[in-house]
Amino acid sequence: MLEAYLRARTSYAVTDRAAYVVRVDARPTVRRYTGSALDDLIFEPAAGGAGTIRFPVAGGRSLQRNPWLRSGLDRFERIPEATTVRDLIEAARRPA
């Protein structure tokens, strides 16, 4: 139940320099991933072009202890056109 609630209030964005996970609810949160945080992303493709992109170096221990915060803030979860998004993120980590 918590997972569905949080996913419904989570959005994702990619710029030419960073990836963002934005949650708007009782505890609004923005996670920004840049530089080395983009180096080791994990791509998990799914059927129909969807997929999940994880940022494994993000969060630290505080996210591990708090399920409210950790749930979904370290990944772009079940997004459409995941390969295209992954390519945009990889372009953001390369110097211009």
PDB file of N, CA and C in Angstrom:
ATOM      1  N   MET A   1       0.806  -1.177   0.000  1.00  0.00           N
ATOM      2  CA  MET A   1       0.000   0.000   0.000  1.00  0.00           C
ATOM      3  C   MET A   1       0.863   1.260   0.000  1.00  0.00           C
ATOM      4  N   LEU A   2       1.846   1.313   0.868  1.00  0.00           N
ATOM      5  CA  LEU A   2       2.752   2.459   0.911  1.00  0.00           C
ATOM      6  C   LEU A   2       3.448   2.640  -0.435  1.00  0.00           C
ATOM      7  N   GLU A   3       3.903   1.542  -1.030  1.00  0.00           N
ATOM      8  CA  GLU A   3       4.608   1.608  -2.310  1.00  0.00           C
ATOM      9  C   GLU A   3       3.731   2.231  -3.392  1.00  0.00           C
ATOM     10  N   ALA A   4       2.492   1.831  -3.488  1.00  0.00           N
ATOM     11  CA  ALA A   4       1.583   2.387  -4.501  1.00  0.00           C
ATOM     12  C   ALA A   4       1.317   3.867  -4.242  1.00  0.00           C
ATOM     13  N   TYR A   5       1.142   4.234  -3.001  1.00  0.00           N
ATOM     14  CA  TYR A   5       0.921   5.632  -2.636  1.00  0.00           C
ATOM     15  C   TYR A   5       2.106   6.487  -3.073  1.00  0.00           C
ATOM     16  N   LEU A   6       3.313   6.042  -2.761  1.00  0.00           N
ATOM     17  CA  LEU A   6       4.506   6.816  -3.085  1.00  0.00           C
ATOM     18  C   LEU A   6       4.756   6.874  -4.589  1.00  0.00           C
ATOM     19  N   ARG A   7       4.555   5.769  -5.292  1.00  0.00           N
ATOM     20  CA  ARG A   7       4.756   5.766  -6.742  1.00  0.00           C
ATOM     21  C   ARG A   7       3.812   6.745  -7.439  1.00  0.00           C
ATOM     22  N   ALA A   8       2.601   6.858  -6.952  1.00  0.00           N
ATOM     23  CA  ALA A   8       1.628   7.766  -7.562  1.00  0.00           C
ATOM     24  C   ALA A   8       2.025   9.229  -7.389  1.00  0.00           C
ATOM     25  N   ARG A   9       2.901   9.514  -6.466  1.00  0.00           N
ATOM     26  CA  ARG A   9       3.319  10.880  -6.181  1.00  0.00           C
ATOM     27  C   ARG A   9       4.764  11.151  -6.558  1.00  0.00           C
ATOM     28  N   THR A  10       5.331  10.272  -7.376  1.00  0.00           N
ATOM     29  CA  THR A  10       6.738  10.389  -7.769  1.00  0.00           C
ATOM     30  C   THR A  10       6.846  10.669  -9.255  1.00  0.00           C
ATOM     31  N   SER A  11       7.702  11.621  -9.605  1.00  0.00           N
ATOM     32  CA  SER A  11       7.973  11.965 -11.001  1.00  0.00           C
ATOM     33  C   SER A  11       9.474  11.918 -11.236  1.00  0.00           C
ATOM     34  N   TYR A  12       9.851  11.858 -12.513  1.00  0.00           N
ATOM     35  CA  TYR A  12      11.250  11.759 -12.890  1.00  0.00           C
ATOM     36  C   TYR A  12      11.572  12.812 -13.941  1.00  0.00           C
ATOM     37  N   ALA A  13      12.818  13.284 -13.920  1.00  0.00           N
ATOM     38  CA  ALA A  13      13.265  14.240 -14.926  1.00  0.00           C
ATOM     39  C   ALA A  13      14.731  14.001 -15.230  1.00  0.00           C
ATOM     40  N   VAL A  14      15.109  14.294 -16.477  1.00  0.00           N
ATOM     41  CA  VAL A  14      16.515  14.208 -16.889  1.00  0.00           C
ATOM     42  C   VAL A  14      16.854  15.513 -17.602  1.00  0.00           C
ATOM     43  N   THR A  15      17.967  16.126 -17.207  1.00  0.00           N
ATOM     44  CA  THR A  15      18.474  17.301 -17.907  1.00  0.00           C
ATOM     45  C   THR A  15      19.790  16.919 -18.575  1.00  0.00           C
ATOM     46  N   ASP A  16      20.451  17.883 -19.167  1.00  0.00           N
ATOM     47  CA  ASP A  16      21.729  17.587 -19.807  1.00  0.00           C
ATOM     48  C   ASP A  16      22.841  17.359 -18.789  1.00  0.00           C
ATOM     49  N   ARG A  17      22.569  17.538 -17.488  1.00  0.00           N
ATOM     50  CA  ARG A  17      23.589  17.375 -16.455  1.00  0.00           C
ATOM     51  C   ARG A  17      23.202  16.476 -15.281  1.00  0.00           C
ATOM     52  N   ALA A  18      21.922  16.117 -15.173  1.00  0.00           N
ATOM     53  CA  ALA A  18      21.497  15.394 -13.973  1.00  0.00           C
ATOM     54  C   ALA A  18      20.206  14.613 -14.220  1.00  0.00           C
ATOM     55  N   ALA A  19      19.947  13.694 -13.291  1.00  0.00           N
ATOM     56  CA  ALA A  19      18.677  12.967 -13.241  1.00  0.00           C
ATOM     57  C   ALA A  19      18.031  13.305 -11.900  1.00  0.00           C
ATOM     58  N   TYR A  20      16.719  13.450 -11.903  1.00  0.00           N
ATOM     59  CA  TYR A  20      15.985  13.839 -10.702  1.00  0.00           C
ATOM     60  C   TYR A  20      14.844  12.875 -10.427  1.00  0.00           C
ATOM     61  N   VAL A  21      14.653  12.594  -9.140  1.00  0.00           N
ATOM     62  CA  VAL A  21      13.473  11.878  -8.674  1.00  0.00           C
ATOM     63  C   VAL A  21      12.760  12.862  -7.747  1.00  0.00           C
ATOM     64  N   VAL A  22      11.505  13.170  -8.058  1.00  0.00           N
ATOM     65  CA  VAL A  22      10.748  14.176  -7.320  1.00  0.00           C
ATOM     66  C   VAL A  22       9.503  13.529  -6.723  1.00  0.00           C
ATOM     67  N   ARG A  23       9.336  13.704  -5.438  1.00  0.00           N
ATOM     68  CA  ARG A  23       8.136  13.193  -4.773  1.00  0.00           C
ATOM     69  C   ARG A  23       7.403  14.359  -4.141  1.00  0.00           C
ATOM     70  N   VAL A  24       6.102  14.459  -4.429  1.00  0.00           N
ATOM     71  CA  VAL A  24       5.273  15.526  -3.876  1.00  0.00           C
ATOM     72  C   VAL A  24       4.172  14.873  -3.040  1.00  0.00           C
ATOM     73  N   ASP A  25       4.315  15.000  -1.743  1.00  0.00           N
ATOM     74  CA  ASP A  25       3.328  14.489  -0.799  1.00  0.00           C
ATOM     75  C   ASP A  25       3.517  15.227   0.518  1.00  0.00           C
ATOM     76  N   ALA A  26       3.189  14.608   1.624  1.00  0.00           N
ATOM     77  CA  ALA A  26       3.324  15.261   2.925  1.00  0.00           C
ATOM     78  C   ALA A  26       4.775  15.620   3.241  1.00  0.00           C
ATOM     79  N   ARG A  27       5.724  14.893   2.649  1.00  0.00           N
ATOM     80  CA  ARG A  27       7.150  15.161   2.839  1.00  0.00           C
ATOM     81  C   ARG A  27       7.806  15.318   1.470  1.00  0.00           C
ATOM     82  N   PRO A  28       7.608  16.462   0.808  1.00  0.00           N
ATOM     83  CA  PRO A  28       8.166  16.642  -0.537  1.00  0.00           C
ATOM     84  C   PRO A  28       9.681  16.429  -0.538  1.00  0.00           C
ATOM     85  N   THR A  29      10.155  15.731  -1.560  1.00  0.00           N
ATOM     86  CA  THR A  29      11.566  15.374  -1.644  1.00  0.00           C
ATOM     87  C   THR A  29      12.028  15.462  -3.090  1.00  0.00           C
ATOM     88  N   VAL A  30      13.233  15.999  -3.278  1.00  0.00           N
ATOM     89  CA  VAL A  30      13.875  15.995  -4.592  1.00  0.00           C
ATOM     90  C   VAL A  30      15.243  15.347  -4.424  1.00  0.00           C
ATOM     91  N   ARG A  31      15.508  14.319  -5.207  1.00  0.00           N
ATOM     92  CA  ARG A  31      16.824  13.680  -5.235  1.00  0.00           C
ATOM     93  C   ARG A  31      17.456  14.006  -6.570  1.00  0.00           C
ATOM     94  N   ARG A  32      18.672  14.531  -6.538  1.00  0.00           N
ATOM     95  CA  ARG A  32      19.413  14.892  -7.745  1.00  0.00           C
ATOM     96  C   ARG A  32      20.614  13.969  -7.860  1.00  0.00           C
ATOM     97  N   TYR A  33      20.782  13.380  -9.028  1.00  0.00           N
ATOM     98  CA  TYR A  33      21.899  12.478  -9.282  1.00  0.00           C
ATOM     99  C   TYR A  33      22.753  13.076 -10.391  1.00  0.00           C
ATOM    100  N   THR A  34      24.025  13.295 -10.096  1.00  0.00           N
ATOM    101  CA  THR A  34      24.962  13.858 -11.065  1.00  0.00           C
ATOM    102  C   THR A  34      26.290  13.125 -10.960  1.00  0.00           C
ATOM    103  N   GLY A  35      27.183  13.441 -11.880  1.00  0.00           N
ATOM    104  CA  GLY A  35      28.558  12.935 -11.814  1.00  0.00           C
ATOM    105  C   GLY A  35      28.655  11.451 -11.591  1.00  0.00           C
ATOM    106  N   SER A  36      29.412  11.063 -10.579  1.00  0.00           N
ATOM    107  CA  SER A  36      29.690   9.647 -10.341  1.00  0.00           C
ATOM    108  C   SER A  36      28.438   8.859  -9.952  1.00  0.00           C
ATOM    109  N   ALA A  37      27.400   9.530  -9.458  1.00  0.00           N
ATOM    110  CA  ALA A  37      26.153   8.830  -9.132  1.00  0.00           C
ATOM    111  C   ALA A  37      25.502   8.249 -10.381  1.00  0.00           C
ATOM    112  N   LEU A  38      25.866   8.787 -11.549  1.00  0.00           N
ATOM    113  CA  LEU A  38      25.318   8.279 -12.806  1.00  0.00           C
ATOM    114  C   LEU A  38      26.190   7.191 -13.427  1.00  0.00           C
ATOM    115  N   ASP A  39      27.410   7.030 -12.921  1.00  0.00           N
ATOM    116  CA  ASP A  39      28.362   6.092 -13.520  1.00  0.00           C
ATOM    117  C   ASP A  39      27.956   4.632 -13.404  1.00  0.00           C
ATOM    118  N   ASP A  40      27.381   4.253 -12.293  1.00  0.00           N
ATOM    119  CA  ASP A  40      27.102   2.841 -12.025  1.00  0.00           C
ATOM    120  C   ASP A  40      25.625   2.508 -12.051  1.00  0.00           C
ATOM    121  N   LEU A  41      24.856   3.252 -12.830  1.00  0.00           N
ATOM    122  CA  LEU A  41      23.426   2.971 -12.847  1.00  0.00           C
ATOM    123  C   LEU A  41      23.168   1.540 -13.305  1.00  0.00           C
ATOM    124  N   ILE A  42      22.086   0.992 -12.824  1.00  0.00           N
ATOM    125  CA  ILE A  42      21.677  -0.365 -13.154  1.00  0.00           C
ATOM    126  C   ILE A  42      20.405  -0.277 -13.979  1.00  0.00           C
ATOM    127  N   PHE A  43      20.428  -0.871 -15.157  1.00  0.00           N
ATOM    128  CA  PHE A  43      19.289  -0.841 -16.066  1.00  0.00           C
ATOM    129  C   PHE A  43      18.603  -2.194 -16.032  1.00  0.00           C
ATOM    130  N   GLU A  44      17.318  -2.197 -15.743  1.00  0.00           N
ATOM    131  CA  GLU A  44      16.528  -3.428 -15.676  1.00  0.00           C
ATOM    132  C   GLU A  44      15.388  -3.327 -16.687  1.00  0.00           C
ATOM    133  N   PRO A  45      15.611  -3.816 -17.920  1.00  0.00           N
ATOM    134  CA  PRO A  45      14.562  -3.716 -18.933  1.00  0.00           C
ATOM    135  C   PRO A  45      13.379  -4.626 -18.597  1.00  0.00           C
ATOM    136  N   ALA A  46      12.214  -4.219 -19.076  1.00  0.00           N
ATOM    137  CA  ALA A  46      10.991  -5.004 -18.890  1.00  0.00           C
ATOM    138  C   ALA A  46      10.267  -5.088 -20.232  1.00  0.00           C
ATOM    139  N   ALA A  47       9.184  -5.786 -20.255  1.00  0.00           N
ATOM    140  CA  ALA A  47       8.417  -5.974 -21.489  1.00  0.00           C
ATOM    141  C   ALA A  47       7.872  -4.651 -22.011  1.00  0.00           C
ATOM    142  N   GLY A  48       7.750  -4.563 -23.323  1.00  0.00           N
ATOM    143  CA  GLY A  48       7.115  -3.415 -23.949  1.00  0.00           C
ATOM    144  C   GLY A  48       7.919  -2.137 -23.926  1.00  0.00           C
ATOM    145  N   GLY A  49       9.217  -2.223 -23.675  1.00  0.00           N
ATOM    146  CA  GLY A  49      10.061  -1.037 -23.666  1.00  0.00           C
ATOM    147  C   GLY A  49      10.144  -0.339 -22.327  1.00  0.00           C
ATOM    148  N   ALA A  50       9.397  -0.808 -21.348  1.00  0.00           N
ATOM    149  CA  ALA A  50       9.451  -0.223 -20.006  1.00  0.00           C
ATOM    150  C   ALA A  50      10.706  -0.721 -19.294  1.00  0.00           C
ATOM    151  N   GLY A  51      10.949  -0.194 -18.112  1.00  0.00           N
ATOM    152  CA  GLY A  51      12.082  -0.665 -17.336  1.00  0.00           C
ATOM    153  C   GLY A  51      12.315   0.191 -16.108  1.00  0.00           C
ATOM    154  N   THR A  52      13.302  -0.220 -15.326  1.00  0.00           N
ATOM    155  CA  THR A  52      13.701   0.493 -14.120  1.00  0.00           C
ATOM    156  C   THR A  52      15.171   0.850 -14.226  1.00  0.00           C
ATOM    157  N   ILE A  53      15.516   2.057 -13.814  1.00  0.00           N
ATOM    158  CA  ILE A  53      16.901   2.519 -13.793  1.00  0.00           C
ATOM    159  C   ILE A  53      17.230   2.854 -12.346  1.00  0.00           C
ATOM    160  N   ARG A  54      18.227   2.168 -11.793  1.00  0.00           N
ATOM    161  CA  ARG A  54      18.611   2.357 -10.386  1.00  0.00           C
ATOM    162  C   ARG A  54      19.926   3.117 -10.286  1.00  0.00           C
ATOM    163  N   PHE A  55      20.021   3.935  -9.245  1.00  0.00           N
ATOM    164  CA  PHE A  55      21.239   4.683  -8.938  1.00  0.00           C
ATOM    165  C   PHE A  55      21.819   4.096  -7.653  1.00  0.00           C
ATOM    166  N   PRO A  56      22.740   3.133  -7.744  1.00  0.00           N
ATOM    167  CA  PRO A  56      23.158   2.361  -6.567  1.00  0.00           C
ATOM    168  C   PRO A  56      23.954   3.127  -5.531  1.00  0.00           C
ATOM    169  N   VAL A  57      24.603   4.219  -5.886  1.00  0.00           N
ATOM    170  CA  VAL A  57      25.412   4.939  -4.902  1.00  0.00           C
ATOM    171  C   VAL A  57      24.602   5.977  -4.142  1.00  0.00           C
ATOM    172  N   ALA A  58      23.347   6.106  -4.460  1.00  0.00           N
ATOM    173  CA  ALA A  58      22.526   7.163  -3.875  1.00  0.00           C
ATOM    174  C   ALA A  58      21.994   6.792  -2.510  1.00  0.00           C
ATOM    175  N   GLY A  59      21.738   7.805  -1.725  1.00  0.00           N
ATOM    176  CA  GLY A  59      20.958   7.620  -0.518  1.00  0.00           C
ATOM    177  C   GLY A  59      21.720   7.476   0.765  1.00  0.00           C
ATOM    178  N   GLY A  60      22.660   6.596   0.816  1.00  0.00           N
ATOM    179  CA  GLY A  60      23.361   6.372   2.069  1.00  0.00           C
ATOM    180  C   GLY A  60      22.513   5.608   3.066  1.00  0.00           C
ATOM    181  N   ARG A  61      23.003   5.520   4.255  1.00  0.00           N
ATOM    182  CA  ARG A  61      22.349   4.706   5.278  1.00  0.00           C
ATOM    183  C   ARG A  61      21.000   5.253   5.725  1.00  0.00           C
ATOM    184  N   SER A  62      20.818   6.562   5.697  1.00  0.00           N
ATOM    185  CA  SER A  62      19.548   7.101   6.184  1.00  0.00           C
ATOM    186  C   SER A  62      18.375   6.601   5.358  1.00  0.00           C
ATOM    187  N   LEU A  63      18.563   6.441   4.053  1.00  0.00           N
ATOM    188  CA  LEU A  63      17.490   5.923   3.224  1.00  0.00           C
ATOM    189  C   LEU A  63      17.217   4.457   3.532  1.00  0.00           C
ATOM    190  N   GLN A  64      18.233   3.709   3.885  1.00  0.00           N
ATOM    191  CA  GLN A  64      18.043   2.297   4.170  1.00  0.00           C
ATOM    192  C   GLN A  64      17.194   2.083   5.414  1.00  0.00           C
ATOM    193  N   ARG A  65      17.266   2.982   6.376  1.00  0.00           N
ATOM    194  CA  ARG A  65      16.529   2.812   7.628  1.00  0.00           C
ATOM    195  C   ARG A  65      15.102   3.350   7.571  1.00  0.00           C
ATOM    196  N   ASN A  66      14.814   4.222   6.643  1.00  0.00           N
ATOM    197  CA  ASN A  66      13.509   4.870   6.614  1.00  0.00           C
ATOM    198  C   ASN A  66      12.747   4.456   5.363  1.00  0.00           C
ATOM    199  N   PRO A  67      11.761   3.555   5.487  1.00  0.00           N
ATOM    200  CA  PRO A  67      11.054   3.076   4.297  1.00  0.00           C
ATOM    201  C   PRO A  67      10.300   4.183   3.571  1.00  0.00           C
ATOM    202  N   TRP A  68       9.861   5.210   4.289  1.00  0.00           N
ATOM    203  CA  TRP A  68       9.162   6.317   3.643  1.00  0.00           C
ATOM    204  C   TRP A  68      10.079   7.013   2.643  1.00  0.00           C
ATOM    205  N   LEU A  69      11.321   7.224   3.034  1.00  0.00           N
ATOM    206  CA  LEU A  69      12.268   7.913   2.163  1.00  0.00           C
ATOM    207  C   LEU A  69      12.894   6.998   1.127  1.00  0.00           C
ATOM    208  N   ARG A  70      13.204   5.784   1.511  1.00  0.00           N
ATOM    209  CA  ARG A  70      13.953   4.921   0.592  1.00  0.00           C
ATOM    210  C   ARG A  70      13.088   4.416  -0.562  1.00  0.00           C
ATOM    211  N   SER A  71      11.807   4.352  -0.380  1.00  0.00           N
ATOM    212  CA  SER A  71      10.925   3.744  -1.358  1.00  0.00           C
ATOM    213  C   SER A  71      10.857   4.566  -2.640  1.00  0.00           C
ATOM    214  N   GLY A  72      11.644   4.170  -3.612  1.00  0.00           N
ATOM    215  CA  GLY A  72      11.574   4.767  -4.932  1.00  0.00           C
ATOM    216  C   GLY A  72      12.451   5.961  -5.196  1.00  0.00           C
ATOM    217  N   LEU A  73      13.149   6.490  -4.215  1.00  0.00           N
ATOM    218  CA  LEU A  73      13.970   7.676  -4.445  1.00  0.00           C
ATOM    219  C   LEU A  73      15.323   7.364  -5.059  1.00  0.00           C
ATOM    220  N   ASP A  74      15.677   6.106  -5.152  1.00  0.00           N
ATOM    221  CA  ASP A  74      16.963   5.722  -5.726  1.00  0.00           C
ATOM    222  C   ASP A  74      16.810   5.141  -7.125  1.00  0.00           C
ATOM    223  N   ARG A  75      15.661   5.395  -7.761  1.00  0.00           N
ATOM    224  CA  ARG A  75      15.439   4.783  -9.076  1.00  0.00           C
ATOM    225  C   ARG A  75      14.332   5.481  -9.852  1.00  0.00           C
ATOM    226  N   PHE A  76      14.401   5.285 -11.160  1.00  0.00           N
ATOM    227  CA  PHE A  76      13.282   5.596 -12.048  1.00  0.00           C
ATOM    228  C   PHE A  76      12.581   4.256 -12.220  1.00  0.00           C
ATOM    229  N   GLU A  77      11.420   4.108 -11.650  1.00  0.00           N
ATOM    230  CA  GLU A  77      10.785   2.790 -11.567  1.00  0.00           C
ATOM    231  C   GLU A  77       9.682   2.600 -12.599  1.00  0.00           C
ATOM    232  N   ARG A  78       9.790   1.483 -13.322  1.00  0.00           N
ATOM    233  CA  ARG A  78       8.772   1.067 -14.300  1.00  0.00           C
ATOM    234  C   ARG A  78       8.379   2.192 -15.254  1.00  0.00           C
ATOM    235  N   ILE A  79       9.385   2.822 -15.836  1.00  0.00           N
ATOM    236  CA  ILE A  79       9.121   3.935 -16.742  1.00  0.00           C
ATOM    237  C   ILE A  79       8.975   3.444 -18.179  1.00  0.00           C
ATOM    238  N   PRO A  80       8.169   4.113 -18.981  1.00  0.00           N
ATOM    239  CA  PRO A  80       8.081   3.763 -20.406  1.00  0.00           C
ATOM    240  C   PRO A  80       9.343   4.255 -21.123  1.00  0.00           C
ATOM    241  N   GLU A  81       9.638   3.661 -22.258  1.00  0.00           N
ATOM    242  CA  GLU A  81      10.795   4.050 -23.076  1.00  0.00           C
ATOM    243  C   GLU A  81      12.081   4.112 -22.246  1.00  0.00           C
ATOM    244  N   ALA A  82      12.284   3.102 -21.442  1.00  0.00           N
ATOM    245  CA  ALA A  82      13.397   3.083 -20.493  1.00  0.00           C
ATOM    246  C   ALA A  82      14.761   3.132 -21.181  1.00  0.00           C
ATOM    247  N   THR A  83      14.895   2.511 -22.340  1.00  0.00           N
ATOM    248  CA  THR A  83      16.186   2.547 -23.042  1.00  0.00           C
ATOM    249  C   THR A  83      16.531   3.967 -23.463  1.00  0.00           C
ATOM    250  N   THR A  84      15.554   4.699 -23.953  1.00  0.00           N
ATOM    251  CA  THR A  84      15.780   6.092 -24.346  1.00  0.00           C
ATOM    252  C   THR A  84      16.172   6.934 -23.142  1.00  0.00           C
ATOM    253  N   VAL A  85      15.493   6.735 -22.026  1.00  0.00           N
ATOM    254  CA  VAL A  85      15.808   7.480 -20.810  1.00  0.00           C
ATOM    255  C   VAL A  85      17.212   7.127 -20.321  1.00  0.00           C
ATOM    256  N   ARG A  86      17.554   5.852 -20.351  1.00  0.00           N
ATOM    257  CA  ARG A  86      18.906   5.443 -19.953  1.00  0.00           C
ATOM    258  C   ARG A  86      19.948   6.144 -20.811  1.00  0.00           C
ATOM    259  N   ASP A  87      19.717   6.213 -22.123  1.00  0.00           N
ATOM    260  CA  ASP A  87      20.654   6.884 -23.019  1.00  0.00           C
ATOM    261  C   ASP A  87      20.778   8.370 -22.687  1.00  0.00           C
ATOM    262  N   LEU A  88      19.676   9.018 -22.327  1.00  0.00           N
ATOM    263  CA  LEU A  88      19.724  10.429 -21.929  1.00  0.00           C
ATOM    264  C   LEU A  88      20.534  10.615 -20.648  1.00  0.00           C
ATOM    265  N   ILE A  89      20.341   9.703 -19.698  1.00  0.00           N
ATOM    266  CA  ILE A  89      21.108   9.779 -18.447  1.00  0.00           C
ATOM    267  C   ILE A  89      22.587   9.571 -18.718  1.00  0.00           C
ATOM    268  N   GLU A  90      22.917   8.610 -19.558  1.00  0.00           N
ATOM    269  CA  GLU A  90      24.329   8.372 -19.883  1.00  0.00           C
ATOM    270  C   GLU A  90      24.936   9.578 -20.587  1.00  0.00           C
ATOM    271  N   ALA A  91      24.169  10.272 -21.418  1.00  0.00           N
ATOM    272  CA  ALA A  91      24.666  11.489 -22.064  1.00  0.00           C
ATOM    273  C   ALA A  91      24.896  12.596 -21.033  1.00  0.00           C
ATOM    274  N   ALA A  92      24.075  12.645 -19.981  1.00  0.00           N
ATOM    275  CA  ALA A  92      24.222  13.659 -18.951  1.00  0.00           C
ATOM    276  C   ALA A  92      25.505  13.480 -18.142  1.00  0.00           C
ATOM    277  N   ARG A  93      26.029  12.286 -18.077  1.00  0.00           N
ATOM    278  CA  ARG A  93      27.246  12.064 -17.287  1.00  0.00           C
ATOM    279  C   ARG A  93      28.515  12.355 -18.069  1.00  0.00           C
ATOM    280  N   ARG A  94      28.386  12.514 -19.384  1.00  0.00           N
ATOM    281  CA  ARG A  94      29.557  12.838 -20.197  1.00  0.00           C
ATOM    282  C   ARG A  94      29.768  14.350 -20.246  1.00  0.00           C
ATOM    283  N   PRO A  95      30.999  14.797 -20.146  1.00  0.00           N
ATOM    284  CA  PRO A  95      31.256  16.244 -20.226  1.00  0.00           C
ATOM    285  C   PRO A  95      30.852  16.792 -21.599  1.00  0.00           C
ATOM    286  N   ALA A  96      30.345  17.999 -21.601  1.00  0.00           N
ATOM    287  CA  ALA A  96      29.924  18.634 -22.861  1.00  0.00           C
ATOM    288  C   ALA A  96      31.096  19.043 -23.716  1.00  0.00           C
TER     289      ALA A  96
END
